[in-house]
Amino acid sequence: MTEKRFLQLPDVAETLDISMRQVYALVRRGDLRAIKVGGRGQWRVETSELEDYIQRCYAEADAAVQSGRVELD
């Protein structure tokens, strides 16, 4: 079975273990790219965009740790 190219926003929320409100905020701010499809304007996130977002979060976290701005318990 092939992996889906696009995810619904609830799937994104589940993957990131965050609320739908947080997913909407990420999309609204442009932190996570999404597209509107279909006549009812359903939002979808391409799996590659989600992976890019996750990688950017890792890079930001690494930079924060390296600069001493964050302490890990």
C-alpha atoms as a PDB file:
ATOM      1  CA  MET A   1       0.000   0.000   0.000  1.00  0.00           C
ATOM      2  CA  THR A   2       1.335   3.451  -0.891  1.00  0.00           C
ATOM      3  CA  GLU A   3       1.552   6.323   1.537  1.00  0.00           C
ATOM      4  CA  LYS A   4      -1.014   9.082   1.136  1.00  0.00           C
ATOM      5  CA  ARG A   5       0.337  12.252  -0.465  1.00  0.00           C
ATOM      6  CA  PHE A   6      -1.961  14.573   1.494  1.00  0.00           C
ATOM      7  CA  LEU A   7      -3.127  14.573   5.097  1.00  0.00           C
ATOM      8  CA  GLN A   8      -6.232  16.082   6.607  1.00  0.00           C
ATOM      9  CA  LEU A   9      -5.645  18.569   9.402  1.00  0.00           C
ATOM     10  CA  PRO A  10      -6.843  16.137  12.114  1.00  0.00           C
ATOM     11  CA  ASP A  11      -4.180  13.688  10.862  1.00  0.00           C
ATOM     12  CA  VAL A  12      -1.551  16.419  11.197  1.00  0.00           C
ATOM     13  CA  ALA A  13      -2.726  17.166  14.735  1.00  0.00           C
ATOM     14  CA  GLU A  14      -2.474  13.484  15.629  1.00  0.00           C
ATOM     15  CA  THR A  15       0.980  13.117  14.066  1.00  0.00           C
ATOM     16  CA  LEU A  16       2.347  16.135  15.935  1.00  0.00           C
ATOM     17  CA  ASP A  17       0.333  15.309  19.095  1.00  0.00           C
ATOM     18  CA  ILE A  18      -1.114  18.828  19.207  1.00  0.00           C
ATOM     19  CA  SER A  19      -4.617  20.291  19.154  1.00  0.00           C
ATOM     20  CA  MET A  20      -6.545  21.259  16.045  1.00  0.00           C
ATOM     21  CA  ARG A  21      -6.357  24.870  17.238  1.00  0.00           C
ATOM     22  CA  GLN A  22      -2.557  24.647  17.152  1.00  0.00           C
ATOM     23  CA  VAL A  23      -2.616  23.128  13.651  1.00  0.00           C
ATOM     24  CA  TYR A  24      -4.855  25.952  12.419  1.00  0.00           C
ATOM     25  CA  ALA A  25      -2.433  28.473  13.956  1.00  0.00           C
ATOM     26  CA  LEU A  26       0.560  26.858  12.228  1.00  0.00           C
ATOM     27  CA  VAL A  27      -1.224  27.020   8.868  1.00  0.00           C
ATOM     28  CA  ARG A  28      -2.539  30.551   9.448  1.00  0.00           C
ATOM     29  CA  ARG A  29       0.955  31.849  10.342  1.00  0.00           C
ATOM     30  CA  GLY A  30       2.482  30.109   7.346  1.00  0.00           C
ATOM     31  CA  ASP A  31       4.706  27.906   9.492  1.00  0.00           C
ATOM     32  CA  LEU A  32       3.113  24.832   7.927  1.00  0.00           C
ATOM     33  CA  ARG A  33       2.127  25.057   4.263  1.00  0.00           C
ATOM     34  CA  ALA A  34      -1.306  23.742   3.358  1.00  0.00           C
ATOM     35  CA  ILE A  35      -3.645  23.894   0.395  1.00  0.00           C
ATOM     36  CA  LYS A  36      -7.392  24.265   0.091  1.00  0.00           C
ATOM     37  CA  VAL A  37      -9.009  21.718  -2.219  1.00  0.00           C
ATOM     38  CA  GLY A  38     -12.473  20.823  -3.371  1.00  0.00           C
ATOM     39  CA  GLY A  39     -15.715  22.730  -3.524  1.00  0.00           C
ATOM     40  CA  ARG A  40     -16.059  22.934   0.258  1.00  0.00           C
ATOM     41  CA  GLY A  41     -12.488  24.157   0.710  1.00  0.00           C
ATOM     42  CA  GLN A  42     -11.047  21.259   2.650  1.00  0.00           C
ATOM     43  CA  TRP A  43      -7.509  21.943   3.879  1.00  0.00           C
ATOM     44  CA  ARG A  44      -4.768  19.405   3.205  1.00  0.00           C
ATOM     45  CA  VAL A  45      -1.085  19.221   4.104  1.00  0.00           C
ATOM     46  CA  GLU A  46       1.285  17.380   1.812  1.00  0.00           C
ATOM     47  CA  THR A  47       3.281  14.769   3.732  1.00  0.00           C
ATOM     48  CA  SER A  48       6.539  16.243   2.428  1.00  0.00           C
ATOM     49  CA  GLU A  49       5.524  19.670   3.820  1.00  0.00           C
ATOM     50  CA  LEU A  50       4.866  18.114   7.212  1.00  0.00           C
ATOM     51  CA  GLU A  51       8.262  16.400   7.141  1.00  0.00           C
ATOM     52  CA  ASP A  52       9.928  19.702   6.145  1.00  0.00           C
ATOM     53  CA  TYR A  53       8.192  21.436   9.052  1.00  0.00           C
ATOM     54  CA  ILE A  54       9.381  18.742  11.479  1.00  0.00           C
ATOM     55  CA  GLN A  55      12.955  19.033  10.192  1.00  0.00           C
ATOM     56  CA  ARG A  56      12.840  22.836  10.622  1.00  0.00           C
ATOM     57  CA  CYS A  57      11.659  22.343  14.210  1.00  0.00           C
ATOM     58  CA  TYR A  58      14.578  20.000  14.869  1.00  0.00           C
ATOM     59  CA  ALA A  59      17.015  22.520  13.367  1.00  0.00           C
ATOM     60  CA  GLU A  60      15.586  25.332  15.510  1.00  0.00           C
ATOM     61  CA  ALA A  61      15.753  23.163  18.632  1.00  0.00           C
ATOM     62  CA  ASP A  62      19.347  22.146  17.856  1.00  0.00           C
ATOM     63  CA  ALA A  63      20.334  25.794  17.369  1.00  0.00           C
ATOM     64  CA  ALA A  64      18.671  26.781  20.646  1.00  0.00           C
ATOM     65  CA  VAL A  65      20.458  24.017  22.547  1.00  0.00           C
ATOM     66  CA  GLN A  66      23.819  24.804  20.927  1.00  0.00           C
ATOM     67  CA  SER A  67      23.505  28.504  21.762  1.00  0.00           C
ATOM     68  CA  GLY A  68      22.613  27.748  25.376  1.00  0.00           C
ATOM     69  CA  ARG A  69      19.166  29.341  25.097  1.00  0.00           C
ATOM     70  CA  VAL A  70      17.535  26.091  26.212  1.00  0.00           C
ATOM     71  CA  GLU A  71      18.393  23.741  29.027  1.00  0.00           C
ATOM     72  CA  LEU A  72      17.388  20.119  28.744  1.00  0.00           C
ATOM     73  CA  ASP A  73      16.303  18.453  31.971  1.00  0.00           C
END
